[in-house]
Amino acid sequence: MSTPIFATLGCRLNAWETEAMKTLAAKAGVSDAVVVNTCAVTQEAVRKAKQEIRRLARENPGAQVVVTGCAAQVEPETFAAMPEVSLVLGNAEKMDPGAWTRMRETAAPDFVGDTERVRVDDIMSVRETASHLIDGFGTRARAYVQVQNGCDHRCTFCIIPYGRGNSRSVPAGVVVDQVARLVDKGFLEVVLTGVDLTSWGADLPGTPRLGDLVLQILRHAPGLARLRISSIDSIEADPRLMEALATEPRLMPHLHLSLQAGHDMTLKRMKRRHLRDDAVRFCEEARRLRPEVTFGADLIAGFPTETEEMFEGSLHLIEDCGLTWLHVFPFSPRKGTPAAKMPQVAGPLIRERAARLRAAGEDATRRHLDAQVGRRHLVLMESATLGRTEQFAEVTFGTAQPVGAIVEAGIERREGERLRAA
């Protein structure tokens, strides 16, 4: 092996940073290395990271094994103790060109005795993003652009602020220039990503909001066919963002919401910033402004102290908010978070509630897809025979279509959790 191998676990932002690290490693001339970009969102994510490290070390004997990402930032000692691991890099250090130059200059066998084998500094001291490293990444269909990193909130179940640091934003001019370059490269859809996207701008001069950024992108990138925003905190959605949803057809009518629960007591114990009625009102208002909008949502099953009544609040939220796409997470206590010290729900009950949420979510998805039969949609082709509608539903085609193009198609039927083009 000579070219470094990169493995990414976790979120889209991690995937963006992996692309940046590939560029840094190539410029530094790093070879014979395996780089694992970890996730820390749950203890299960850490377990999977360790499993992936061992597998890659077995398959690439003699290579330096470098571990980075949120899990490495939060618990570097865990990975430094693994005999397979040569170097642990923090989330700030992995974006430092100097770290990759030093890696090239240090032979793999020397890492074992290296007193700086763990290079993880205080992430809370970081004040900038690394947005300059790449313009974006993606498939031939869509590109992802990082506009924000970190989080100022302290939800009781979440370790991510300690892995990512406090919120920091990419200036609007930098984002607009990146999007313009991606449009010039032929991308028809751009997705804005971040850890806490709706906090974008709070640390910038004049404290602009996410809606300002969205409208500025659409104004200055007229060749961009589709702009999509990733997960948002609905309570932080600003008036300009709602204006964009109502008036800009190029802003996709699909919002993924960080809801987490549907009962006020659970939300308070999670230290969320919204109540149940806030979520319902937001969805009603968004649908009034853009009737075709669809909603995805994150929901946690079995949060500590959750009773059956509290759980049913989350279950009924699917219908009350009109949710279509669910990400269901069985609660997993994360060491270092307040929720880990709260009275826990029994594991079998957590799994049973997660299964009920998923089943209700699947029913909601099928109802939405059934309602699309006989309609026409603009579909962005992700492969020759698979694309997505503006509302993010997958559509399969019987004949090959140009990858990366937007094609108009009539919907003939639903096949499982996908649509079939006529």
Protein backbone atom coordinates (compact mmCIF):
# COMPACT_ATOMS: atom_id res chain seq x y z
CA MET A 1 0.00 0.00 0.00
CA SER A 2 1.23 3.51 -0.78
CA THR A 3 -1.84 5.76 -1.14
CA PRO A 4 -3.46 6.39 2.27
CA ILE A 5 -6.72 4.63 3.04
CA PHE A 6 -9.46 6.74 4.62
CA ALA A 7 -12.48 5.41 6.51
CA THR A 8 -15.31 7.74 7.57
CA LEU A 9 -17.80 7.03 10.33
CA GLY A 10 -20.69 9.32 11.26
CA CYS A 11 -22.07 12.49 9.77
CA ARG A 12 -21.81 14.40 6.49
CA LEU A 13 -19.47 16.89 8.14
CA ASN A 14 -17.06 14.05 8.90
CA ALA A 15 -17.29 13.03 5.25
CA TRP A 16 -16.49 16.61 4.20
CA GLU A 17 -13.48 16.64 6.52
CA THR A 18 -12.26 13.32 5.16
CA GLU A 19 -12.13 14.87 1.71
CA ALA A 20 -10.13 17.77 3.15
CA MET A 21 -7.74 15.34 4.86
CA LYS A 22 -7.20 13.48 1.59
CA THR A 23 -6.06 16.76 0.04
CA LEU A 24 -3.77 17.55 2.99
CA ALA A 25 -2.27 14.06 2.98
CA ALA A 26 -1.61 14.20 -0.75
CA LYS A 27 0.07 17.60 -0.51
CA ALA A 28 2.24 16.39 2.37
CA GLY A 29 3.22 13.22 0.55
CA VAL A 30 1.85 10.89 3.22
CA SER A 31 1.85 7.22 2.24
CA ASP A 32 1.34 3.83 3.88
CA ALA A 33 -1.26 5.17 6.28
CA VAL A 34 -4.77 4.22 7.34
CA VAL A 35 -6.85 7.14 8.63
CA VAL A 36 -10.07 6.47 10.56
CA ASN A 37 -12.34 9.50 11.04
CA THR A 38 -14.50 8.54 14.02
CA CYS A 39 -17.93 9.47 15.39
CA ALA A 40 -18.74 9.95 19.09
CA VAL A 41 -22.51 10.36 19.03
CA THR A 42 -23.11 7.11 21.00
CA GLN A 43 -21.07 4.47 22.79
CA GLU A 44 -22.06 2.16 19.94
CA ALA A 45 -20.36 4.55 17.51
CA VAL A 46 -17.15 4.30 19.55
CA ARG A 47 -17.39 0.50 19.57
CA LYS A 48 -17.80 0.45 15.80
CA ALA A 49 -14.80 2.76 15.43
CA LYS A 50 -12.60 0.39 17.42
CA GLN A 51 -13.89 -2.52 15.35
CA GLU A 52 -13.07 -0.66 12.11
CA ILE A 53 -9.58 0.23 13.35
CA ARG A 54 -8.78 -3.41 14.13
CA ARG A 55 -10.11 -4.59 10.77
CA LEU A 56 -8.12 -2.05 8.76
CA ALA A 57 -4.95 -2.74 10.76
CA ARG A 58 -5.27 -6.46 10.01
CA GLU A 59 -5.83 -5.82 6.32
CA ASN A 60 -2.94 -3.32 6.03
CA PRO A 61 -0.01 -4.69 8.05
CA GLY A 62 2.83 -2.21 8.51
CA ALA A 63 0.71 0.87 7.83
CA GLN A 64 0.48 3.79 10.26
CA VAL A 65 -3.00 3.77 11.76
CA VAL A 66 -4.16 7.32 12.45
CA VAL A 67 -7.36 7.87 14.45
CA THR A 68 -9.12 11.21 14.39
CA GLY A 69 -12.63 12.65 14.55
CA CYS A 70 -15.03 13.28 17.41
CA ALA A 71 -14.40 10.07 19.36
CA ALA A 72 -10.65 10.70 19.19
CA GLN A 73 -11.22 14.25 20.41
CA VAL A 74 -13.46 13.25 23.32
CA GLU A 75 -11.61 10.16 24.54
CA PRO A 76 -8.10 10.08 23.01
CA GLU A 77 -6.83 7.74 25.72
CA THR A 78 -9.20 5.00 24.53
CA PHE A 79 -7.59 4.92 21.09
CA ALA A 80 -4.04 5.57 22.26
CA ALA A 81 -4.34 2.39 24.34
CA MET A 82 -5.06 0.30 21.23
CA PRO A 83 -1.91 -1.49 20.04
CA GLU A 84 -2.99 -1.01 16.42
CA VAL A 85 -3.01 2.79 16.67
CA SER A 86 0.05 4.84 15.68
CA LEU A 87 -1.31 8.36 16.15
CA VAL A 88 -4.39 10.08 17.62
CA LEU A 89 -5.26 13.46 16.08
CA GLY A 90 -7.86 15.90 17.43
CA ASN A 91 -10.53 17.52 15.30
CA ALA A 92 -8.56 20.76 14.99
CA GLU A 93 -5.24 18.99 14.38
CA LYS A 94 -6.60 16.89 11.51
CA MET A 95 -7.21 20.14 9.57
CA ASP A 96 -3.64 21.38 10.20
CA PRO A 97 -1.31 20.91 7.19
CA GLY A 98 1.64 20.74 9.60
CA ALA A 99 0.25 17.62 11.25
CA TRP A 100 0.32 15.78 7.93
CA THR A 101 3.83 16.96 7.13
CA ARG A 102 5.05 15.65 10.48
CA MET A 103 3.29 12.37 9.79
CA ARG A 104 5.22 11.94 6.56
CA GLU A 105 8.47 12.70 8.35
CA THR A 106 7.86 10.15 11.13
CA ALA A 107 8.41 6.51 10.23
CA ALA A 108 5.64 4.20 11.40
CA PRO A 109 7.75 2.16 13.85
CA ASP A 110 8.83 5.37 15.63
CA PHE A 111 5.26 6.29 16.52
CA VAL A 112 5.16 3.72 19.30
CA GLY A 113 7.70 5.67 21.31
CA ASP A 114 6.62 9.12 20.17
CA THR A 115 5.84 11.32 23.16
CA GLU A 116 3.41 13.25 20.93
CA ARG A 117 1.60 10.15 19.77
CA VAL A 118 -1.59 11.85 21.04
CA ARG A 119 -2.06 15.28 19.48
CA VAL A 120 -5.36 16.54 20.82
CA ASP A 121 -5.70 20.13 22.03
CA ASP A 122 -8.61 22.05 23.59
CA ILE A 123 -11.31 22.15 20.92
CA MET A 124 -13.12 24.94 22.80
CA SER A 125 -10.27 27.31 21.92
CA VAL A 126 -10.84 26.89 18.16
CA ARG A 127 -12.45 29.96 16.61
CA GLU A 128 -12.39 29.25 12.85
CA THR A 129 -13.58 26.61 10.42
CA ALA A 130 -11.46 24.90 7.80
CA SER A 131 -13.75 25.85 4.93
CA HIS A 132 -10.84 26.98 2.74
CA LEU A 133 -9.51 23.45 2.31
CA ILE A 134 -11.99 22.21 -0.31
CA ASP A 135 -14.88 23.68 -2.29
CA GLY A 136 -17.14 20.79 -1.41
CA PHE A 137 -17.50 17.11 -2.03
CA GLY A 138 -20.13 14.78 -3.35
CA THR A 139 -21.24 12.50 -6.11
CA ARG A 140 -21.72 13.59 -9.69
CA ALA A 141 -25.25 14.58 -8.66
CA ARG A 142 -24.84 16.84 -5.63
CA ALA A 143 -22.14 18.58 -3.63
CA TYR A 144 -21.96 19.25 0.11
CA VAL A 145 -20.61 22.53 1.48
CA GLN A 146 -19.66 23.04 5.12
CA VAL A 147 -20.93 26.40 6.35
CA GLN A 148 -20.77 25.89 10.11
CA ASN A 149 -19.06 23.75 12.74
CA GLY A 150 -19.46 23.20 16.48
CA CYS A 151 -22.38 23.84 18.81
CA ASP A 152 -23.07 26.28 21.65
CA HIS A 153 -25.92 24.22 23.11
CA ARG A 154 -25.55 21.54 25.75
CA CYS A 155 -28.30 18.97 25.27
CA THR A 156 -28.05 16.46 28.09
CA PHE A 157 -27.69 13.43 25.80
CA CYS A 158 -25.09 14.90 23.44
CA ILE A 159 -21.28 14.71 23.57
CA ILE A 160 -20.75 16.40 20.21
CA PRO A 161 -19.98 19.95 21.49
CA TYR A 162 -17.00 18.46 23.33
CA GLY A 163 -15.82 16.87 20.11
CA ARG A 164 -16.55 19.82 17.83
CA GLY A 165 -16.17 22.86 20.07
CA ASN A 166 -18.32 25.97 20.09
CA SER A 167 -20.24 27.19 17.06
CA ARG A 168 -18.29 28.95 14.33
CA SER A 169 -19.46 30.04 10.90
CA VAL A 170 -17.99 30.26 7.43
CA PRO A 171 -18.41 33.84 6.12
CA ALA A 172 -21.17 34.24 3.54
CA GLY A 173 -18.80 35.50 0.85
CA VAL A 174 -16.66 32.36 1.18
CA VAL A 175 -19.73 30.13 0.94
CA VAL A 176 -21.10 31.96 -2.11
CA ASP A 177 -17.75 31.70 -3.89
CA GLN A 178 -17.60 27.96 -3.13
CA VAL A 179 -21.10 27.40 -4.46
CA ALA A 180 -20.33 29.40 -7.61
CA ARG A 181 -17.27 27.23 -8.29
CA LEU A 182 -19.32 24.07 -7.79
CA VAL A 183 -21.94 25.33 -10.24
CA ASP A 184 -19.15 26.01 -12.73
CA LYS A 185 -18.06 22.39 -12.30
CA GLY A 186 -21.52 21.24 -13.31
CA PHE A 187 -23.22 20.48 -9.98
CA LEU A 188 -26.96 21.11 -10.08
CA GLU A 189 -27.60 20.62 -6.37
CA VAL A 190 -25.70 21.87 -3.33
CA VAL A 191 -26.41 20.84 0.27
CA LEU A 192 -25.40 23.13 3.14
CA THR A 193 -24.05 21.19 6.11
CA GLY A 194 -23.03 21.92 9.69
CA VAL A 195 -23.32 20.65 13.23
CA ASP A 196 -25.93 23.25 14.26
CA LEU A 197 -26.86 24.83 10.97
CA THR A 198 -29.43 27.31 12.26
CA SER A 199 -26.79 28.90 14.50
CA TRP A 200 -24.91 30.03 11.38
CA GLY A 201 -23.93 33.69 11.53
CA ALA A 202 -24.17 34.30 15.28
CA ASP A 203 -20.39 34.74 15.50
CA LEU A 204 -20.06 36.85 12.34
CA PRO A 205 -20.15 40.67 12.07
CA GLY A 206 -23.73 41.88 12.03
CA THR A 207 -24.98 38.46 13.22
CA PRO A 208 -26.66 37.38 9.97
CA ARG A 209 -28.99 34.37 10.03
CA LEU A 210 -29.20 31.21 7.96
CA GLY A 211 -32.03 32.68 5.88
CA ASP A 212 -29.74 35.55 4.88
CA LEU A 213 -27.14 33.07 3.69
CA VAL A 214 -29.67 31.03 1.72
CA LEU A 215 -31.07 34.09 -0.05
CA GLN A 216 -27.57 35.38 -0.80
CA ILE A 217 -26.53 32.05 -2.35
CA LEU A 218 -29.62 31.92 -4.54
CA ARG A 219 -29.15 35.53 -5.62
CA HIS A 220 -25.47 35.20 -6.50
CA ALA A 221 -25.53 31.68 -7.96
CA PRO A 222 -28.29 31.91 -10.59
CA GLY A 223 -27.01 28.76 -12.28
CA LEU A 224 -27.68 26.63 -9.19
CA ALA A 225 -30.76 24.54 -9.85
CA ARG A 226 -31.27 23.22 -6.33
CA LEU A 227 -30.20 24.32 -2.86
CA ARG A 228 -30.86 21.96 0.01
CA ILE A 229 -30.26 22.49 3.71
CA SER A 230 -29.45 19.65 6.05
CA SER A 231 -30.74 19.16 9.60
CA ILE A 232 -32.05 22.30 11.31
CA ASP A 233 -33.33 23.21 14.76
CA SER A 234 -36.87 24.35 14.01
CA ILE A 235 -37.05 26.73 16.98
CA GLU A 236 -34.10 28.66 15.50
CA ALA A 237 -35.53 28.99 11.98
CA ASP A 238 -35.44 32.71 11.22
CA PRO A 239 -38.01 34.78 9.27
CA ARG A 240 -35.75 35.11 6.23
CA LEU A 241 -35.37 31.32 6.04
CA MET A 242 -39.16 30.97 6.07
CA GLU A 243 -39.35 33.70 3.41
CA ALA A 244 -36.92 31.72 1.26
CA LEU A 245 -38.98 28.57 1.73
CA ALA A 246 -42.09 30.42 0.59
CA THR A 247 -40.65 32.36 -2.34
CA GLU A 248 -37.64 30.50 -3.72
CA PRO A 249 -38.52 27.38 -5.74
CA ARG A 250 -34.82 26.50 -5.96
CA LEU A 251 -34.74 25.96 -2.18
CA MET A 252 -35.86 22.36 -1.91
CA PRO A 253 -39.13 21.67 -0.04
CA HIS A 254 -37.57 19.18 2.34
CA LEU A 255 -36.50 20.01 5.90
CA HIS A 256 -34.89 17.59 8.32
CA LEU A 257 -35.74 18.63 11.87
CA SER A 258 -33.86 17.97 15.09
CA LEU A 259 -36.95 17.22 17.20
CA GLN A 260 -35.70 14.34 19.41
CA ALA A 261 -38.93 13.89 21.42
CA GLY A 262 -42.61 14.78 21.50
CA HIS A 263 -43.30 15.34 25.20
CA ASP A 264 -42.53 18.56 27.06
CA MET A 265 -41.04 16.88 30.15
CA THR A 266 -38.69 14.80 28.02
CA LEU A 267 -37.68 17.86 26.02
CA LYS A 268 -36.93 19.78 29.22
CA ARG A 269 -34.83 16.90 30.58
CA MET A 270 -33.01 16.79 27.25
CA LYS A 271 -32.39 20.54 27.66
CA ARG A 272 -33.89 21.21 24.26
CA ARG A 273 -34.95 24.74 23.36
CA HIS A 274 -38.46 23.99 22.12
CA LEU A 275 -41.68 22.45 23.40
CA ARG A 276 -43.94 20.03 21.59
CA ASP A 277 -46.37 22.72 20.42
CA ASP A 278 -43.47 24.72 18.98
CA ALA A 279 -42.59 21.81 16.68
CA VAL A 280 -46.19 21.34 15.56
CA ARG A 281 -46.64 25.07 14.89
CA PHE A 282 -43.42 25.21 12.87
CA CYS A 283 -44.52 22.36 10.62
CA GLU A 284 -47.97 23.89 10.15
CA GLU A 285 -46.44 27.26 9.23
CA ALA A 286 -43.87 25.74 6.85
CA ARG A 287 -46.61 23.74 5.14
CA ARG A 288 -48.77 26.86 4.85
CA LEU A 289 -45.90 28.69 3.16
CA ARG A 290 -44.89 25.73 0.97
CA PRO A 291 -47.69 23.14 0.73
CA GLU A 292 -45.50 20.48 -0.89
CA VAL A 293 -42.82 20.55 1.85
CA THR A 294 -41.87 17.27 3.50
CA PHE A 295 -40.22 16.81 6.88
CA GLY A 296 -37.63 14.39 8.14
CA ALA A 297 -36.88 14.22 11.84
CA ASP A 298 -34.53 12.78 14.44
CA LEU A 299 -36.34 11.04 17.31
CA ILE A 300 -34.82 9.32 20.34
CA ALA A 301 -36.60 6.30 21.85
CA GLY A 302 -36.22 5.47 25.52
CA PHE A 303 -34.62 8.64 26.86
CA PRO A 304 -34.02 8.32 30.64
CA THR A 305 -37.23 8.57 32.73
CA GLU A 306 -39.41 8.19 29.61
CA THR A 307 -42.80 6.76 30.54
CA GLU A 308 -45.28 5.20 28.12
CA GLU A 309 -47.20 8.49 28.07
CA MET A 310 -44.03 10.42 27.21
CA PHE A 311 -43.16 7.94 24.49
CA GLU A 312 -46.63 8.20 22.96
CA GLY A 313 -46.05 11.94 22.69
CA SER A 314 -43.19 11.17 20.33
CA LEU A 315 -45.21 8.52 18.50
CA HIS A 316 -48.12 10.91 17.88
CA LEU A 317 -45.72 13.66 16.82
CA ILE A 318 -45.24 11.81 13.52
CA GLU A 319 -48.87 12.47 12.59
CA ASP A 320 -49.23 15.83 14.36
CA CYS A 321 -46.21 17.28 12.52
CA GLY A 322 -46.82 15.35 9.31
CA LEU A 323 -43.35 13.77 9.35
CA THR A 324 -42.31 11.68 6.35
CA TRP A 325 -38.71 10.53 6.85
CA LEU A 326 -37.58 9.41 10.32
CA HIS A 327 -34.15 8.79 11.83
CA VAL A 328 -34.90 6.80 14.99
CA PHE A 329 -32.20 6.43 17.64
CA PRO A 330 -32.59 4.00 20.55
CA PHE A 331 -31.18 5.92 23.52
CA SER A 332 -27.63 4.91 24.40
CA PRO A 333 -26.03 6.47 27.49
CA ARG A 334 -22.94 8.43 26.48
CA LYS A 335 -20.23 8.67 29.12
CA GLY A 336 -19.62 12.29 30.06
CA THR A 337 -23.19 13.50 29.44
CA PRO A 338 -25.79 14.36 32.13
CA ALA A 339 -28.29 11.91 30.61
CA ALA A 340 -25.95 9.01 31.37
CA LYS A 341 -26.48 9.71 35.07
CA MET A 342 -30.28 9.86 34.88
CA PRO A 343 -32.54 6.86 35.70
CA GLN A 344 -32.33 4.63 32.61
CA VAL A 345 -35.13 2.90 30.71
CA ALA A 346 -34.67 -0.86 30.39
CA GLY A 347 -32.88 -1.94 27.21
CA PRO A 348 -35.64 -4.25 25.88
CA LEU A 349 -38.21 -1.48 26.34
CA ILE A 350 -35.97 1.00 24.51
CA ARG A 351 -35.66 -1.41 21.57
CA GLU A 352 -39.41 -2.07 21.55
CA ARG A 353 -40.20 1.66 21.48
CA ALA A 354 -37.65 2.28 18.75
CA ALA A 355 -39.29 -0.46 16.67
CA ARG A 356 -42.72 1.15 17.15
CA LEU A 357 -41.36 4.54 16.08
CA ARG A 358 -39.73 3.03 13.00
CA ALA A 359 -42.92 1.19 12.06
CA ALA A 360 -44.96 4.38 12.36
CA GLY A 361 -42.33 6.22 10.32
CA GLU A 362 -42.43 3.58 7.61
CA ASP A 363 -46.21 3.90 7.43
CA ALA A 364 -45.87 7.68 7.05
CA THR A 365 -43.30 7.23 4.28
CA ARG A 366 -45.53 4.82 2.39
CA ARG A 367 -48.51 7.18 2.64
CA HIS A 368 -46.44 10.00 1.21
CA LEU A 369 -45.14 7.83 -1.62
CA ASP A 370 -48.60 6.47 -2.45
CA ALA A 371 -49.81 10.08 -2.78
CA GLN A 372 -47.18 10.71 -5.48
CA VAL A 373 -48.50 8.04 -7.87
CA GLY A 374 -49.82 9.68 -11.02
CA ARG A 375 -47.94 12.92 -10.37
CA ARG A 376 -44.96 14.33 -12.22
CA HIS A 377 -41.69 15.15 -10.47
CA LEU A 378 -38.34 16.68 -11.29
CA VAL A 379 -35.78 14.04 -10.36
CA LEU A 380 -32.05 14.59 -9.82
CA MET A 381 -30.30 11.45 -11.09
CA GLU A 382 -27.81 10.00 -8.60
CA SER A 383 -27.05 7.01 -10.84
CA ALA A 384 -28.26 5.88 -14.26
CA THR A 385 -31.44 4.38 -12.79
CA LEU A 386 -31.92 6.08 -9.40
CA GLY A 387 -32.70 9.69 -8.48
CA ARG A 388 -34.50 11.87 -5.93
CA THR A 389 -37.45 14.18 -6.12
CA GLU A 390 -37.36 17.70 -4.70
CA GLN A 391 -38.95 16.27 -1.53
CA PHE A 392 -36.13 13.69 -1.34
CA ALA A 393 -38.10 10.58 -2.32
CA GLU A 394 -36.09 7.98 -4.25
CA VAL A 395 -37.25 7.20 -7.80
CA THR A 396 -36.12 4.22 -9.87
CA PHE A 397 -36.09 4.17 -13.69
CA GLY A 398 -36.33 1.25 -16.08
CA THR A 399 -34.08 2.93 -18.65
CA ALA A 400 -30.77 4.68 -18.11
CA GLN A 401 -30.81 8.45 -17.54
CA PRO A 402 -27.85 10.88 -17.60
CA VAL A 403 -26.21 10.91 -14.15
CA GLY A 404 -26.30 14.34 -12.52
CA ALA A 405 -29.11 15.59 -14.74
CA ILE A 406 -32.56 16.69 -13.61
CA VAL A 407 -35.24 14.80 -15.52
CA GLU A 408 -39.01 15.12 -15.42
CA ALA A 409 -40.82 11.86 -14.78
CA GLY A 410 -44.32 10.64 -14.16
CA ILE A 411 -44.70 8.31 -11.19
CA GLU A 412 -46.24 4.95 -12.09
CA ARG A 413 -46.28 3.18 -8.72
CA ARG A 414 -44.65 2.72 -5.32
CA GLU A 415 -42.17 -0.11 -4.90
CA GLY A 416 -41.44 -0.58 -1.20
CA GLU A 417 -40.04 2.73 0.02
CA ARG A 418 -39.21 4.01 -3.47
CA LEU A 419 -41.17 5.37 -6.38
CA ARG A 420 -41.09 3.91 -9.88
CA ALA A 421 -40.99 6.21 -12.90
CA ALA A 422 -43.37 5.46 -15.74
